[in-house]
Structure formats: C-alpha cells, structure tokens
Amino acid sequence: MREKIWEKLYCYCWAIMKNDEILKEIEIIKARNKRVEADKAWETSWTRKIIVCLFTYIVVLIFFLLAKLPDPFINAIIPALAFILSSLSIFKVKKIWIKKFYK
C-alpha cells in the first residue's frame, strides 16, 4: 500500500517537474517569437529602407567623388533609387515564390 502511495507521489512530482520544464520551454519559444517578430518588423520597415538608401547614396557619392566622375551628387541618386525599387518589388516576387515553391 505504501509503495503505491509513493509511486503515485513520485509520478505526481515528476509530472509537476515536467510541467515546469514545459512552461520554461514555452517561455523560451515566446521570447524567440518576439525577437523574430521584431526582426521581421525591422526588415520590412520604411525606416530601414530609408537608412539603407541613405547609406547607399553616401557610399556611391564618395566613390564618384574619389573617381572624379561628372555630377556625382545627381548620379549617386540612381543606385539609391534602384535599392528602393528593388525592395518594393521583392515582396511580390517573394509571394510568388512562396506560393509556387514553398508548400
């Protein structure tokens, strides 16, 4: 009789410990999901696109100035605009790719 009580108590304690482990795992997954959502929000944000566009403009401008190319301030706009256009169209391509290849 005592053995059955101890066995039940052991099973109960083990189940509680297992529940604690499961709850910890759930919290870890929730924290990871928050990070993933924040990363995705950053990747799709206009803030990121504008910053990358400005950095692209500055780097290309510096290169054009060092290379002594004509109209560097105007010509450096083209790669920056190309980035914006590509970032706008990439989402449509991504949707098509997901629909066609990722099932």
PDB file of N, CA and C in Angstrom:
ATOM      1  N   MET A   1       0.828  -1.189   0.000  1.00  0.00           N
ATOM      2  CA  MET A   1       0.000   0.000   0.000  1.00  0.00           C
ATOM      3  C   MET A   1       0.876   1.259   0.000  1.00  0.00           C
ATOM      4  N   ARG A   2       1.901   1.255   0.886  1.00  0.00           N
ATOM      5  CA  ARG A   2       2.790   2.409   0.953  1.00  0.00           C
ATOM      6  C   ARG A   2       3.522   2.611  -0.367  1.00  0.00           C
ATOM      7  N   GLU A   3       3.905   1.512  -0.986  1.00  0.00           N
ATOM      8  CA  GLU A   3       4.623   1.610  -2.253  1.00  0.00           C
ATOM      9  C   GLU A   3       3.768   2.273  -3.315  1.00  0.00           C
ATOM     10  N   LYS A   4       2.493   1.955  -3.327  1.00  0.00           N
ATOM     11  CA  LYS A   4       1.599   2.571  -4.317  1.00  0.00           C
ATOM     12  C   LYS A   4       1.459   4.058  -4.053  1.00  0.00           C
ATOM     13  N   ILE A   5       1.387   4.441  -2.792  1.00  0.00           N
ATOM     14  CA  ILE A   5       1.282   5.867  -2.448  1.00  0.00           C
ATOM     15  C   ILE A   5       2.554   6.591  -2.898  1.00  0.00           C
ATOM     16  N   TRP A   6       3.720   5.969  -2.597  1.00  0.00           N
ATOM     17  CA  TRP A   6       4.988   6.588  -3.008  1.00  0.00           C
ATOM     18  C   TRP A   6       5.108   6.649  -4.526  1.00  0.00           C
ATOM     19  N   GLU A   7       4.611   5.611  -5.169  1.00  0.00           N
ATOM     20  CA  GLU A   7       4.660   5.585  -6.632  1.00  0.00           C
ATOM     21  C   GLU A   7       3.797   6.698  -7.208  1.00  0.00           C
ATOM     22  N   LYS A   8       2.609   6.869  -6.660  1.00  0.00           N
ATOM     23  CA  LYS A   8       1.714   7.934  -7.115  1.00  0.00           C
ATOM     24  C   LYS A   8       2.318   9.307  -6.826  1.00  0.00           C
ATOM     25  N   LEU A   9       2.898   9.435  -5.638  1.00  0.00           N
ATOM     26  CA  LEU A   9       3.531  10.700  -5.259  1.00  0.00           C
ATOM     27  C   LEU A   9       4.699  11.005  -6.188  1.00  0.00           C
ATOM     28  N   TYR A  10       5.490   9.980  -6.504  1.00  0.00           N
ATOM     29  CA  TYR A  10       6.610  10.156  -7.419  1.00  0.00           C
ATOM     30  C   TYR A  10       6.101  10.592  -8.797  1.00  0.00           C
ATOM     31  N   CYS A  11       5.078   9.934  -9.289  1.00  0.00           N
ATOM     32  CA  CYS A  11       4.507  10.274 -10.601  1.00  0.00           C
ATOM     33  C   CYS A  11       3.971  11.701 -10.590  1.00  0.00           C
ATOM     34  N   TYR A  12       3.325  12.072  -9.503  1.00  0.00           N
ATOM     35  CA  TYR A  12       2.771  13.418  -9.376  1.00  0.00           C
ATOM     36  C   TYR A  12       3.894  14.460  -9.380  1.00  0.00           C
ATOM     37  N   CYS A  13       4.947  14.203  -8.591  1.00  0.00           N
ATOM     38  CA  CYS A  13       6.086  15.128  -8.541  1.00  0.00           C
ATOM     39  C   CYS A  13       6.776  15.210  -9.898  1.00  0.00           C
ATOM     40  N   TRP A  14       6.919  14.074 -10.560  1.00  0.00           N
ATOM     41  CA  TRP A  14       7.551  14.054 -11.876  1.00  0.00           C
ATOM     42  C   TRP A  14       6.718  14.859 -12.877  1.00  0.00           C
ATOM     43  N   ALA A  15       5.399  14.723 -12.785  1.00  0.00           N
ATOM     44  CA  ALA A  15       4.505  15.464 -13.686  1.00  0.00           C
ATOM     45  C   ALA A  15       4.625  16.963 -13.442  1.00  0.00           C
ATOM     46  N   ILE A  16       4.736  17.373 -12.175  1.00  0.00           N
ATOM     47  CA  ILE A  16       4.897  18.794 -11.851  1.00  0.00           C
ATOM     48  C   ILE A  16       6.222  19.298 -12.410  1.00  0.00           C
ATOM     49  N   MET A  17       7.281  18.524 -12.223  1.00  0.00           N
ATOM     50  CA  MET A  17       8.581  18.925 -12.754  1.00  0.00           C
ATOM     51  C   MET A  17       8.522  19.008 -14.271  1.00  0.00           C
ATOM     52  N   LYS A  18       7.847  18.069 -14.892  1.00  0.00           N
ATOM     53  CA  LYS A  18       7.720  18.067 -16.346  1.00  0.00           C
ATOM     54  C   LYS A  18       6.930  19.305 -16.794  1.00  0.00           C
ATOM     55  N   ASN A  19       5.889  19.651 -16.053  1.00  0.00           N
ATOM     56  CA  ASN A  19       5.108  20.844 -16.368  1.00  0.00           C
ATOM     57  C   ASN A  19       5.974  22.103 -16.278  1.00  0.00           C
ATOM     58  N   ASP A  20       6.819  22.165 -15.249  1.00  0.00           N
ATOM     59  CA  ASP A  20       7.718  23.311 -15.114  1.00  0.00           C
ATOM     60  C   ASP A  20       8.652  23.411 -16.317  1.00  0.00           C
ATOM     61  N   GLU A  21       9.158  22.259 -16.753  1.00  0.00           N
ATOM     62  CA  GLU A  21      10.031  22.251 -17.934  1.00  0.00           C
ATOM     63  C   GLU A  21       9.278  22.710 -19.169  1.00  0.00           C
ATOM     64  N   ILE A  22       8.052  22.252 -19.307  1.00  0.00           N
ATOM     65  CA  ILE A  22       7.227  22.642 -20.457  1.00  0.00           C
ATOM     66  C   ILE A  22       6.952  24.141 -20.417  1.00  0.00           C
ATOM     67  N   LEU A  23       6.633  24.658 -19.231  1.00  0.00           N
ATOM     68  CA  LEU A  23       6.380  26.092 -19.103  1.00  0.00           C
ATOM     69  C   LEU A  23       7.621  26.913 -19.439  1.00  0.00           C
ATOM     70  N   LYS A  24       8.792  26.428 -19.007  1.00  0.00           N
ATOM     71  CA  LYS A  24      10.043  27.119 -19.348  1.00  0.00           C
ATOM     72  C   LYS A  24      10.263  27.116 -20.857  1.00  0.00           C
ATOM     73  N   GLU A  25      10.013  25.971 -21.480  1.00  0.00           N
ATOM     74  CA  GLU A  25      10.163  25.867 -22.939  1.00  0.00           C
ATOM     75  C   GLU A  25       9.202  26.823 -23.657  1.00  0.00           C
ATOM     76  N   ILE A  26       7.992  26.908 -23.158  1.00  0.00           N
ATOM     77  CA  ILE A  26       7.004  27.822 -23.747  1.00  0.00           C
ATOM     78  C   ILE A  26       7.486  29.259 -23.631  1.00  0.00           C
ATOM     79  N   GLU A  27       8.035  29.621 -22.490  1.00  0.00           N
ATOM     80  CA  GLU A  27       8.556  30.986 -22.308  1.00  0.00           C
ATOM     81  C   GLU A  27       9.727  31.261 -23.255  1.00  0.00           C
ATOM     82  N   ILE A  28      10.579  30.264 -23.440  1.00  0.00           N
ATOM     83  CA  ILE A  28      11.706  30.418 -24.371  1.00  0.00           C
ATOM     84  C   ILE A  28      11.189  30.620 -25.794  1.00  0.00           C
ATOM     85  N   ILE A  29      10.184  29.845 -26.169  1.00  0.00           N
ATOM     86  CA  ILE A  29       9.607  29.967 -27.515  1.00  0.00           C
ATOM     87  C   ILE A  29       8.934  31.323 -27.691  1.00  0.00           C
ATOM     88  N   LYS A  30       8.229  31.782 -26.667  1.00  0.00           N
ATOM     89  CA  LYS A  30       7.580  33.100 -26.743  1.00  0.00           C
ATOM     90  C   LYS A  30       8.614  34.219 -26.905  1.00  0.00           C
ATOM     91  N   ALA A  31       9.707  34.121 -26.154  1.00  0.00           N
ATOM     92  CA  ALA A  31      10.764  35.136 -26.261  1.00  0.00           C
ATOM     93  C   ALA A  31      11.386  35.106 -27.654  1.00  0.00           C
ATOM     94  N   ARG A  32      11.623  33.913 -28.187  1.00  0.00           N
ATOM     95  CA  ARG A  32      12.168  33.782 -29.532  1.00  0.00           C
ATOM     96  C   ARG A  32      11.213  34.348 -30.570  1.00  0.00           C
ATOM     97  N   ASN A  33       9.933  34.070 -30.416  1.00  0.00           N
ATOM     98  CA  ASN A  33       8.937  34.599 -31.344  1.00  0.00           C
ATOM     99  C   ASN A  33       8.908  36.127 -31.324  1.00  0.00           C
ATOM    100  N   LYS A  34       9.059  36.712 -30.141  1.00  0.00           N
ATOM    101  CA  LYS A  34       9.107  38.174 -30.050  1.00  0.00           C
ATOM    102  C   LYS A  34      10.298  38.728 -30.823  1.00  0.00           C
ATOM    103  N   ARG A  35      11.462  38.082 -30.654  1.00  0.00           N
ATOM    104  CA  ARG A  35      12.663  38.527 -31.382  1.00  0.00           C
ATOM    105  C   ARG A  35      12.469  38.384 -32.891  1.00  0.00           C
ATOM    106  N   VAL A  36      11.882  37.264 -33.315  1.00  0.00           N
ATOM    107  CA  VAL A  36      11.661  37.033 -34.740  1.00  0.00           C
ATOM    108  C   VAL A  36      10.682  38.068 -35.295  1.00  0.00           C
ATOM    109  N   GLU A  37       9.621  38.361 -34.558  1.00  0.00           N
ATOM    110  CA  GLU A  37       8.655  39.361 -34.997  1.00  0.00           C
ATOM    111  C   GLU A  37       9.297  40.739 -35.086  1.00  0.00           C
ATOM    112  N   ALA A  38      10.142  41.078 -34.120  1.00  0.00           N
ATOM    113  CA  ALA A  38      10.828  42.370 -34.144  1.00  0.00           C
ATOM    114  C   ALA A  38      11.784  42.440 -35.333  1.00  0.00           C
ATOM    115  N   ASP A  39      12.514  41.350 -35.598  1.00  0.00           N
ATOM    116  CA  ASP A  39      13.417  41.315 -36.749  1.00  0.00           C
ATOM    117  C   ASP A  39      12.650  41.473 -38.052  1.00  0.00           C
ATOM    118  N   LYS A  40      11.514  40.801 -38.151  1.00  0.00           N
ATOM    119  CA  LYS A  40      10.709  40.900 -39.373  1.00  0.00           C
ATOM    120  C   LYS A  40      10.153  42.317 -39.526  1.00  0.00           C
ATOM    121  N   ALA A  41       9.711  42.910 -38.433  1.00  0.00           N
ATOM    122  CA  ALA A  41       9.200  44.285 -38.492  1.00  0.00           C
ATOM    123  C   ALA A  41      10.298  45.239 -38.952  1.00  0.00           C
ATOM    124  N   TRP A  42      11.521  45.039 -38.457  1.00  0.00           N
ATOM    125  CA  TRP A  42      12.644  45.881 -38.869  1.00  0.00           C
ATOM    126  C   TRP A  42      12.953  45.671 -40.347  1.00  0.00           C
ATOM    127  N   GLU A  43      12.997  44.421 -40.780  1.00  0.00           N
ATOM    128  CA  GLU A  43      13.335  44.113 -42.171  1.00  0.00           C
ATOM    129  C   GLU A  43      12.345  44.723 -43.155  1.00  0.00           C
ATOM    130  N   THR A  44      11.092  44.851 -42.755  1.00  0.00           N
ATOM    131  CA  THR A  44      10.072  45.379 -43.665  1.00  0.00           C
ATOM    132  C   THR A  44       9.755  46.848 -43.417  1.00  0.00           C
ATOM    133  N   SER A  45      10.438  47.477 -42.477  1.00  0.00           N
ATOM    134  CA  SER A  45      10.113  48.864 -42.125  1.00  0.00           C
ATOM    135  C   SER A  45      10.678  49.872 -43.119  1.00  0.00           C
ATOM    136  N   TRP A  46       9.978  50.985 -43.229  1.00  0.00           N
ATOM    137  CA  TRP A  46      10.452  52.076 -44.083  1.00  0.00           C
ATOM    138  C   TRP A  46      11.679  52.740 -43.478  1.00  0.00           C
ATOM    139  N   THR A  47      11.795  52.716 -42.179  1.00  0.00           N
ATOM    140  CA  THR A  47      12.973  53.287 -41.516  1.00  0.00           C
ATOM    141  C   THR A  47      14.235  52.598 -42.029  1.00  0.00           C
ATOM    142  N   ARG A  48      14.227  51.275 -42.048  1.00  0.00           N
ATOM    143  CA  ARG A  48      15.375  50.511 -42.540  1.00  0.00           C
ATOM    144  C   ARG A  48      15.646  50.815 -44.004  1.00  0.00           C
ATOM    145  N   LYS A  49      14.587  50.862 -44.808  1.00  0.00           N
ATOM    146  CA  LYS A  49      14.760  51.129 -46.239  1.00  0.00           C
ATOM    147  C   LYS A  49      15.381  52.505 -46.474  1.00  0.00           C
ATOM    148  N   ILE A  50      14.927  53.491 -45.730  1.00  0.00           N
ATOM    149  CA  ILE A  50      15.457  54.853 -45.893  1.00  0.00           C
ATOM    150  C   ILE A  50      16.909  54.918 -45.434  1.00  0.00           C
ATOM    151  N   ILE A  51      17.231  54.264 -44.312  1.00  0.00           N
ATOM    152  CA  ILE A  51      18.615  54.267 -43.827  1.00  0.00           C
ATOM    153  C   ILE A  51      19.538  53.593 -44.833  1.00  0.00           C
ATOM    154  N   VAL A  52      19.140  52.442 -45.358  1.00  0.00           N
ATOM    155  CA  VAL A  52      19.966  51.746 -46.353  1.00  0.00           C
ATOM    156  C   VAL A  52      20.089  52.593 -47.613  1.00  0.00           C
ATOM    157  N   CYS A  53      19.015  53.249 -47.984  1.00  0.00           N
ATOM    158  CA  CYS A  53      19.044  54.120 -49.158  1.00  0.00           C
ATOM    159  C   CYS A  53      20.033  55.269 -48.949  1.00  0.00           C
ATOM    160  N   LEU A  54      20.001  55.891 -47.780  1.00  0.00           N
ATOM    161  CA  LEU A  54      20.933  56.984 -47.488  1.00  0.00           C
ATOM    162  C   LEU A  54      22.383  56.496 -47.453  1.00  0.00           C
ATOM    163  N   PHE A  55      22.614  55.355 -46.829  1.00  0.00           N
ATOM    164  CA  PHE A  55      23.971  54.799 -46.795  1.00  0.00           C
ATOM    165  C   PHE A  55      24.456  54.469 -48.204  1.00  0.00           C
ATOM    166  N   THR A  56      23.567  53.918 -49.011  1.00  0.00           N
ATOM    167  CA  THR A  56      23.929  53.608 -50.399  1.00  0.00           C
ATOM    168  C   THR A  56      24.307  54.884 -51.129  1.00  0.00           C
ATOM    169  N   TYR A  57      23.503  55.919 -50.961  1.00  0.00           N
ATOM    170  CA  TYR A  57      23.777  57.198 -51.618  1.00  0.00           C
ATOM    171  C   TYR A  57      25.142  57.745 -51.184  1.00  0.00           C
ATOM    172  N   ILE A  58      25.406  57.719 -49.885  1.00  0.00           N
ATOM    173  CA  ILE A  58      26.661  58.274 -49.351  1.00  0.00           C
ATOM    174  C   ILE A  58      27.873  57.497 -49.869  1.00  0.00           C
ATOM    175  N   VAL A  59      27.789  56.170 -49.845  1.00  0.00           N
ATOM    176  CA  VAL A  59      28.924  55.351 -50.305  1.00  0.00           C
ATOM    177  C   VAL A  59      29.172  55.568 -51.797  1.00  0.00           C
ATOM    178  N   VAL A  60      28.113  55.568 -52.585  1.00  0.00           N
ATOM    179  CA  VAL A  60      28.270  55.774 -54.025  1.00  0.00           C
ATOM    180  C   VAL A  60      28.765  57.190 -54.301  1.00  0.00           C
ATOM    181  N   LEU A  61      28.266  58.161 -53.557  1.00  0.00           N
ATOM    182  CA  LEU A  61      28.711  59.546 -53.720  1.00  0.00           C
ATOM    183  C   LEU A  61      30.208  59.668 -53.440  1.00  0.00           C
ATOM    184  N   ILE A  62      30.656  59.072 -52.356  1.00  0.00           N
ATOM    185  CA  ILE A  62      32.087  59.109 -52.030  1.00  0.00           C
ATOM    186  C   ILE A  62      32.911  58.470 -53.147  1.00  0.00           C
ATOM    187  N   PHE A  63      32.446  57.324 -53.642  1.00  0.00           N
ATOM    188  CA  PHE A  63      33.153  56.673 -54.743  1.00  0.00           C
ATOM    189  C   PHE A  63      33.196  57.581 -55.973  1.00  0.00           C
ATOM    190  N   PHE A  64      32.049  58.173 -56.332  1.00  0.00           N
ATOM    191  CA  PHE A  64      32.007  59.047 -57.509  1.00  0.00           C
ATOM    192  C   PHE A  64      32.904  60.263 -57.328  1.00  0.00           C
ATOM    193  N   LEU A  65      32.955  60.811 -56.114  1.00  0.00           N
ATOM    194  CA  LEU A  65      33.828  61.960 -55.857  1.00  0.00           C
ATOM    195  C   LEU A  65      35.300  61.560 -55.975  1.00  0.00           C
ATOM    196  N   LEU A  66      35.665  60.414 -55.402  1.00  0.00           N
ATOM    197  CA  LEU A  66      37.051  59.950 -55.483  1.00  0.00           C
ATOM    198  C   LEU A  66      37.458  59.608 -56.919  1.00  0.00           C
ATOM    199  N   ALA A  67      36.493  59.075 -57.690  1.00  0.00           N
ATOM    200  CA  ALA A  67      36.776  58.725 -59.081  1.00  0.00           C
ATOM    201  C   ALA A  67      36.691  59.943 -60.005  1.00  0.00           C
ATOM    202  N   LYS A  68      36.277  61.067 -59.425  1.00  0.00           N
ATOM    203  CA  LYS A  68      36.138  62.327 -60.175  1.00  0.00           C
ATOM    204  C   LYS A  68      35.227  62.167 -61.388  1.00  0.00           C
ATOM    205  N   LEU A  69      34.087  61.500 -61.147  1.00  0.00           N
ATOM    206  CA  LEU A  69      33.089  61.323 -62.193  1.00  0.00           C
ATOM    207  C   LEU A  69      32.198  62.561 -62.266  1.00  0.00           C
ATOM    208  N   PRO A  70      31.599  62.813 -63.420  1.00  0.00           N
ATOM    209  CA  PRO A  70      30.763  64.012 -63.559  1.00  0.00           C
ATOM    210  C   PRO A  70      29.460  63.899 -62.758  1.00  0.00           C
ATOM    211  N   ASP A  71      29.004  65.014 -62.245  1.00  0.00           N
ATOM    212  CA  ASP A  71      27.740  65.138 -61.492  1.00  0.00           C
ATOM    213  C   ASP A  71      27.554  64.044 -60.437  1.00  0.00           C
ATOM    214  N   PRO A  72      28.471  63.916 -59.503  1.00  0.00           N
ATOM    215  CA  PRO A  72      28.372  62.808 -58.534  1.00  0.00           C
ATOM    216  C   PRO A  72      27.145  62.909 -57.630  1.00  0.00           C
ATOM    217  N   PHE A  73      26.732  64.135 -57.295  1.00  0.00           N
ATOM    218  CA  PHE A  73      25.590  64.290 -56.387  1.00  0.00           C
ATOM    219  C   PHE A  73      24.292  63.811 -57.032  1.00  0.00           C
ATOM    220  N   ILE A  74      24.157  64.022 -58.317  1.00  0.00           N
ATOM    221  CA  ILE A  74      22.948  63.583 -59.024  1.00  0.00           C
ATOM    222  C   ILE A  74      23.053  62.098 -59.386  1.00  0.00           C
ATOM    223  N   ASN A  75      24.199  61.691 -59.899  1.00  0.00           N
ATOM    224  CA  ASN A  75      24.361  60.301 -60.343  1.00  0.00           C
ATOM    225  C   ASN A  75      24.326  59.296 -59.194  1.00  0.00           C
ATOM    226  N   ALA A  76      24.645  59.714 -57.994  1.00  0.00           N
ATOM    227  CA  ALA A  76      24.596  58.810 -56.838  1.00  0.00           C
ATOM    228  C   ALA A  76      23.164  58.490 -56.430  1.00  0.00           C
ATOM    229  N   ILE A  77      22.220  59.268 -56.921  1.00  0.00           N
ATOM    230  CA  ILE A  77      20.803  59.021 -56.599  1.00  0.00           C
ATOM    231  C   ILE A  77      20.320  57.724 -57.245  1.00  0.00           C
ATOM    232  N   ILE A  78      20.830  57.409 -58.429  1.00  0.00           N
ATOM    233  CA  ILE A  78      20.328  56.269 -59.195  1.00  0.00           C
ATOM    234  C   ILE A  78      20.466  54.945 -58.432  1.00  0.00           C
ATOM    235  N   PRO A  79      21.629  54.596 -57.882  1.00  0.00           N
ATOM    236  CA  PRO A  79      21.703  53.333 -57.121  1.00  0.00           C
ATOM    237  C   PRO A  79      20.800  53.327 -55.885  1.00  0.00           C
ATOM    238  N   ALA A  80      20.655  54.472 -55.257  1.00  0.00           N
ATOM    239  CA  ALA A  80      19.784  54.546 -54.072  1.00  0.00           C
ATOM    240  C   ALA A  80      18.327  54.313 -54.470  1.00  0.00           C
ATOM    241  N   LEU A  81      17.903  54.906 -55.571  1.00  0.00           N
ATOM    242  CA  LEU A  81      16.534  54.671 -56.052  1.00  0.00           C
ATOM    243  C   LEU A  81      16.345  53.227 -56.508  1.00  0.00           C
ATOM    244  N   ALA A  82      17.382  52.664 -57.098  1.00  0.00           N
ATOM    245  CA  ALA A  82      17.306  51.258 -57.518  1.00  0.00           C
ATOM    246  C   ALA A  82      17.082  50.349 -56.313  1.00  0.00           C
ATOM    247  N   PHE A  83      17.723  50.672 -55.203  1.00  0.00           N
ATOM    248  CA  PHE A  83      17.501  49.881 -53.989  1.00  0.00           C
ATOM    249  C   PHE A  83      16.043  49.969 -53.549  1.00  0.00           C
ATOM    250  N   ILE A  84      15.495  51.180 -53.521  1.00  0.00           N
ATOM    251  CA  ILE A  84      14.096  51.357 -53.098  1.00  0.00           C
ATOM    252  C   ILE A  84      13.168  50.576 -54.026  1.00  0.00           C
ATOM    253  N   LEU A  85      13.367  50.680 -55.328  1.00  0.00           N
ATOM    254  CA  LEU A  85      12.520  49.952 -56.275  1.00  0.00           C
ATOM    255  C   LEU A  85      12.643  48.443 -56.090  1.00  0.00           C
ATOM    256  N   SER A  86      13.850  47.964 -55.881  1.00  0.00           N
ATOM    257  CA  SER A  86      14.025  46.519 -55.695  1.00  0.00           C
ATOM    258  C   SER A  86      13.386  46.055 -54.394  1.00  0.00           C
ATOM    259  N   SER A  87      13.477  46.861 -53.342  1.00  0.00           N
ATOM    260  CA  SER A  87      12.879  46.452 -52.067  1.00  0.00           C
ATOM    261  C   SER A  87      11.355  46.471 -52.136  1.00  0.00           C
ATOM    262  N   LEU A  88      10.797  47.310 -52.997  1.00  0.00           N
ATOM    263  CA  LEU A  88       9.346  47.328 -53.159  1.00  0.00           C
ATOM    264  C   LEU A  88       8.861  46.130 -53.979  1.00  0.00           C
ATOM    265  N   SER A  89       9.625  45.757 -54.982  1.00  0.00           N
ATOM    266  CA  SER A  89       9.192  44.662 -55.855  1.00  0.00           C
ATOM    267  C   SER A  89       9.528  43.293 -55.283  1.00  0.00           C
ATOM    268  N   ILE A  90      10.476  43.203 -54.380  1.00  0.00           N
ATOM    269  CA  ILE A  90      10.908  41.908 -53.867  1.00  0.00           C
ATOM    270  C   ILE A  90       9.784  41.193 -53.108  1.00  0.00           C
ATOM    271  N   PHE A  91       8.884  41.937 -52.485  1.00  0.00           N
ATOM    272  CA  PHE A  91       7.790  41.311 -51.741  1.00  0.00           C
ATOM    273  C   PHE A  91       6.839  40.582 -52.685  1.00  0.00           C
ATOM    274  N   LYS A  92       6.613  41.147 -53.859  1.00  0.00           N
ATOM    275  CA  LYS A  92       5.757  40.464 -54.835  1.00  0.00           C
ATOM    276  C   LYS A  92       6.425  39.186 -55.323  1.00  0.00           C
ATOM    277  N   VAL A  93       7.715  39.260 -55.584  1.00  0.00           N
ATOM    278  CA  VAL A  93       8.467  38.074 -56.009  1.00  0.00           C
ATOM    279  C   VAL A  93       8.456  37.030 -54.897  1.00  0.00           C
ATOM    280  N   LYS A  94       8.603  37.467 -53.662  1.00  0.00           N
ATOM    281  CA  LYS A  94       8.596  36.556 -52.516  1.00  0.00           C
ATOM    282  C   LYS A  94       7.259  35.829 -52.410  1.00  0.00           C
ATOM    283  N   LYS A  95       6.160  36.559 -52.573  1.00  0.00           N
ATOM    284  CA  LYS A  95       4.833  35.930 -52.503  1.00  0.00           C
ATOM    285  C   LYS A  95       4.667  34.873 -53.584  1.00  0.00           C
ATOM    286  N   ILE A  96       5.119  35.199 -54.790  1.00  0.00           N
ATOM    287  CA  ILE A  96       5.020  34.240 -55.892  1.00  0.00           C
ATOM    288  C   ILE A  96       5.870  33.013 -55.582  1.00  0.00           C
ATOM    289  N   TRP A  97       7.090  33.223 -55.092  1.00  0.00           N
ATOM    290  CA  TRP A  97       7.983  32.120 -54.783  1.00  0.00           C
ATOM    291  C   TRP A  97       7.390  31.225 -53.703  1.00  0.00           C
ATOM    292  N   ILE A  98       6.859  31.829 -52.658  1.00  0.00           N
ATOM    293  CA  ILE A  98       6.260  31.049 -51.560  1.00  0.00           C
ATOM    294  C   ILE A  98       5.081  30.235 -52.086  1.00  0.00           C
ATOM    295  N   LYS A  99       4.257  30.879 -52.886  1.00  0.00           N
ATOM    296  CA  LYS A  99       3.080  30.193 -53.424  1.00  0.00           C
ATOM    297  C   LYS A  99       3.476  29.019 -54.321  1.00  0.00           C
ATOM    298  N   LYS A 100       4.537  29.210 -55.098  1.00  0.00           N
ATOM    299  CA  LYS A 100       4.910  28.204 -56.097  1.00  0.00           C
ATOM    300  C   LYS A 100       5.827  27.112 -55.541  1.00  0.00           C
ATOM    301  N   PHE A 101       6.805  27.473 -54.716  1.00  0.00           N
ATOM    302  CA  PHE A 101       7.830  26.516 -54.331  1.00  0.00           C
ATOM    303  C   PHE A 101       7.789  26.083 -52.875  1.00  0.00           C
ATOM    304  N   TYR A 102       7.258  26.905 -51.985  1.00  0.00           N
ATOM    305  CA  TYR A 102       7.303  26.579 -50.553  1.00  0.00           C
ATOM    306  C   TYR A 102       5.910  26.171 -50.102  1.00  0.00           C
ATOM    307  N   LYS A 103       5.736  24.892 -49.944  1.00  0.00           N
ATOM    308  CA  LYS A 103       4.400  24.376 -49.573  1.00  0.00           C
ATOM    309  C   LYS A 103       4.438  23.680 -48.263  1.00  0.00           C
TER     310      LYS A 103
END
